[in-house]
Amino acid sequence: MLDKASVVGRVNDLEQYLLKLMPVKASACAASTRIAGEAELWHRRFNHLGLENIKRAATMVDGMPSTVADAKRVIGTVCVPCVDGKMVQSPSPRSSKATTKCELVHIDTGGPRTESLGGSLYLMTALEDSTGFITATPIKTNGIAPEVLKTHIKQLETLTGVKVKRVCHDGAKEYVTNDLKAWYED
């Protein structure tokens, strides 16, 4: 399995971390689309318009086959350009390194990916900056990311005996909820 893994980023000059471990067959599957049949072609033609809007367009556009209006999603596959387009921003280079434990924790959520055996489509990672300690948790939806984040932070504080001072994220909507803003203040 490790021979088919890909290193996606660096923690520092000495250590590397893996974000994606996927057999080649699953990787090919992940590159396919989530919309079945002829609707997939129209999804691309309309610049990756969402399924519900493609169905709506099928009733309004002359020349679109009526089968497009009945299109279904293909479970376990993703449209890679759609996933790439939903990324909030590119990772930023590390400008400084925290020197004390739990001074800075970087968090991120990746996905959707090919569905895991447990039904998870996303992966949440947390990196403690001073030690390079990384945790990765498969999650089923982005909606549970705030609760998983809180659990990650509490576990890290329990392991180190030190309270986390700062959390760094990419500004994605799952990390900027009012509930989390209040939790960050505590």
Protein backbone atom coordinates (compact mmCIF):
# COMPACT_ATOMS: atom_id res chain seq x y z
CA MET A 1 0.00 0.00 0.00
CA LEU A 2 2.80 2.48 0.84
CA ASP A 3 4.30 2.07 -2.62
CA LYS A 4 1.10 3.65 -3.99
CA ALA A 5 1.08 6.54 -1.50
CA SER A 6 1.90 10.07 -2.50
CA VAL A 7 3.69 12.69 -0.39
CA VAL A 8 1.69 15.87 -0.70
CA GLY A 9 3.45 18.29 1.65
CA ARG A 10 6.43 18.85 3.93
CA VAL A 11 6.37 19.42 7.67
CA ASN A 12 10.03 20.49 7.75
CA ASP A 13 13.30 19.59 6.02
CA LEU A 14 13.62 16.23 7.79
CA GLU A 15 10.06 14.90 8.00
CA GLN A 16 7.37 14.33 5.41
CA TYR A 17 3.70 13.59 5.88
CA LEU A 18 1.19 11.73 3.75
CA LEU A 19 -2.19 13.13 2.92
CA LYS A 20 -3.33 10.53 0.46
CA LEU A 21 -3.04 6.74 0.62
CA MET A 22 -5.05 5.29 -2.21
CA PRO A 23 -4.75 2.19 -4.40
CA VAL A 24 -4.36 3.01 -8.10
CA LYS A 25 -7.82 1.63 -8.91
CA ALA A 26 -9.48 3.88 -6.29
CA SER A 27 -7.48 6.83 -7.58
CA ALA A 28 -8.82 6.27 -11.10
CA CYS A 29 -12.32 6.03 -9.64
CA ALA A 30 -11.84 9.31 -7.76
CA ALA A 31 -11.05 11.07 -11.03
CA SER A 32 -14.46 10.16 -12.45
CA THR A 33 -17.53 12.27 -11.97
CA ARG A 34 -20.36 12.17 -9.45
CA ILE A 35 -23.08 12.56 -12.08
CA ALA A 36 -24.17 9.53 -14.10
CA GLY A 37 -24.83 9.22 -17.82
CA GLU A 38 -25.27 11.99 -20.33
CA ALA A 39 -25.74 14.58 -17.58
CA GLU A 40 -21.99 14.33 -16.90
CA LEU A 41 -21.29 15.79 -20.35
CA TRP A 42 -23.69 18.67 -19.72
CA HIS A 43 -22.18 19.18 -16.26
CA ARG A 44 -18.83 19.84 -17.97
CA ARG A 45 -20.36 21.88 -20.81
CA PHE A 46 -22.02 24.19 -18.30
CA ASN A 47 -18.71 24.77 -16.50
CA HIS A 48 -19.36 22.20 -13.72
CA LEU A 49 -22.86 23.39 -12.86
CA GLY A 50 -24.43 21.50 -9.94
CA LEU A 51 -26.72 18.51 -10.49
CA GLU A 52 -29.95 20.21 -9.44
CA ASN A 53 -29.27 23.17 -11.76
CA ILE A 54 -28.41 20.79 -14.63
CA LYS A 55 -31.77 19.06 -14.10
CA ARG A 56 -33.52 22.45 -14.09
CA ALA A 57 -31.69 23.49 -17.27
CA ALA A 58 -32.79 20.27 -19.00
CA THR A 59 -36.38 21.50 -18.82
CA MET A 60 -35.50 24.93 -20.26
CA VAL A 61 -32.81 24.30 -22.90
CA ASP A 62 -33.67 23.09 -26.40
CA GLY A 63 -31.46 20.23 -27.56
CA MET A 64 -30.71 18.83 -24.10
CA PRO A 65 -31.81 15.18 -23.81
CA SER A 66 -34.72 14.55 -21.46
CA THR A 67 -32.65 11.84 -19.69
CA VAL A 68 -30.55 14.61 -18.14
CA ALA A 69 -33.52 15.67 -16.01
CA ASP A 70 -33.52 12.20 -14.36
CA ALA A 71 -29.75 12.08 -13.69
CA LYS A 72 -28.44 10.55 -10.47
CA ARG A 73 -25.17 10.84 -8.59
CA VAL A 74 -22.66 7.99 -8.68
CA ILE A 75 -21.85 7.16 -5.07
CA GLY A 76 -18.16 6.94 -4.20
CA THR A 77 -16.85 9.10 -7.02
CA VAL A 78 -16.07 12.79 -7.27
CA CYS A 79 -15.63 15.40 -9.99
CA VAL A 80 -12.02 16.50 -9.44
CA PRO A 81 -12.38 19.99 -11.04
CA CYS A 82 -15.41 20.63 -8.79
CA VAL A 83 -13.43 19.61 -5.70
CA ASP A 84 -10.48 21.79 -6.77
CA GLY A 85 -12.84 24.72 -7.39
CA LYS A 86 -14.22 24.48 -3.85
CA MET A 87 -10.81 24.87 -2.21
CA VAL A 88 -10.69 28.03 -0.13
CA GLN A 89 -7.05 28.91 -0.78
CA SER A 90 -3.68 27.35 -1.45
CA PRO A 91 -1.59 26.31 1.54
CA SER A 92 0.68 29.09 2.70
CA PRO A 93 4.38 28.53 3.36
CA ARG A 94 5.39 28.32 7.00
CA SER A 95 6.81 31.67 7.97
CA SER A 96 7.89 30.75 11.48
CA LYS A 97 8.08 27.76 13.73
CA ALA A 98 6.52 27.73 17.17
CA THR A 99 9.05 26.90 19.88
CA THR A 100 6.81 25.84 22.75
CA LYS A 101 4.31 23.00 22.80
CA CYS A 102 0.77 23.90 21.76
CA GLU A 103 1.70 27.46 20.90
CA LEU A 104 0.32 26.93 17.39
CA VAL A 105 -1.85 24.18 15.87
CA HIS A 106 -2.59 24.06 12.13
CA ILE A 107 -5.88 22.43 11.06
CA ASP A 108 -7.36 21.56 7.70
CA THR A 109 -10.06 19.42 6.15
CA GLY A 110 -9.62 17.69 2.80
CA GLY A 111 -12.18 16.03 0.60
CA PRO A 112 -14.49 14.79 -0.57
CA ARG A 113 -12.47 11.70 -1.39
CA THR A 114 -13.49 8.19 -2.34
CA GLU A 115 -15.77 6.90 0.43
CA SER A 116 -13.95 4.85 3.09
CA LEU A 117 -15.20 1.54 4.44
CA GLY A 118 -16.62 3.45 7.42
CA GLY A 119 -18.47 5.88 5.13
CA SER A 120 -16.14 8.87 5.56
CA LEU A 121 -15.59 11.25 2.65
CA TYR A 122 -13.39 13.87 4.35
CA LEU A 123 -10.16 13.88 6.36
CA MET A 124 -9.37 16.39 9.09
CA THR A 125 -5.72 16.93 9.98
CA ALA A 126 -4.20 18.77 12.92
CA LEU A 127 -0.48 19.60 13.11
CA GLU A 128 1.14 20.78 16.35
CA ASP A 129 3.76 23.20 15.06
CA SER A 130 6.64 22.85 17.54
CA THR A 131 6.81 19.03 17.58
CA GLY A 132 5.39 18.19 14.15
CA PHE A 133 2.85 15.85 15.78
CA ILE A 134 0.06 15.15 13.29
CA THR A 135 -3.36 13.60 13.78
CA ALA A 136 -5.72 12.71 10.96
CA THR A 137 -9.37 11.82 11.49
CA PRO A 138 -11.74 10.57 8.80
CA ILE A 139 -15.11 12.36 8.98
CA LYS A 140 -18.34 11.77 7.09
CA THR A 141 -19.34 15.39 6.47
CA ASN A 142 -17.83 18.86 6.79
CA GLY A 143 -20.69 19.69 9.14
CA ILE A 144 -19.09 17.75 11.99
CA ALA A 145 -15.70 19.42 11.50
CA PRO A 146 -16.18 21.91 14.41
CA GLU A 147 -16.89 19.10 16.90
CA VAL A 148 -13.95 17.03 15.60
CA LEU A 149 -11.73 20.13 15.90
CA LYS A 150 -12.74 20.63 19.53
CA THR A 151 -12.01 16.94 20.23
CA HIS A 152 -8.58 17.21 18.51
CA ILE A 153 -7.66 20.26 20.60
CA LYS A 154 -8.84 18.69 23.89
CA GLN A 155 -6.90 15.48 23.14
CA LEU A 156 -3.77 17.46 22.31
CA GLU A 157 -4.08 19.49 25.52
CA THR A 158 -4.55 16.27 27.52
CA LEU A 159 -1.51 14.62 25.87
CA THR A 160 0.80 17.59 26.41
CA GLY A 161 -0.62 19.04 29.60
CA VAL A 162 -0.48 22.48 27.95
CA LYS A 163 -3.38 24.64 26.71
CA VAL A 164 -3.39 25.40 22.96
CA LYS A 165 -2.70 29.11 22.42
CA ARG A 166 -3.44 29.61 18.69
CA VAL A 167 -5.26 27.65 15.96
CA CYS A 168 -4.38 28.38 12.34
CA HIS A 169 -6.77 27.45 9.52
CA ASP A 170 -7.46 28.41 5.93
CA GLY A 171 -10.62 30.42 6.64
CA ALA A 172 -12.98 27.71 5.38
CA LYS A 173 -16.59 28.16 6.48
CA GLU A 174 -16.51 25.13 8.79
CA TYR A 175 -13.90 26.90 10.98
CA VAL A 176 -15.50 30.34 11.25
CA THR A 177 -18.89 29.56 12.79
CA ASN A 178 -20.18 31.69 15.69
CA ASP A 179 -20.04 28.62 17.93
CA LEU A 180 -16.34 28.09 17.18
CA LYS A 181 -15.54 31.81 17.51
CA ALA A 182 -16.96 31.73 21.05
CA TRP A 183 -15.09 28.49 21.76
CA TYR A 184 -11.79 30.01 20.50
CA GLU A 185 -12.25 32.90 22.96
CA ASP A 186 -12.52 30.49 25.93
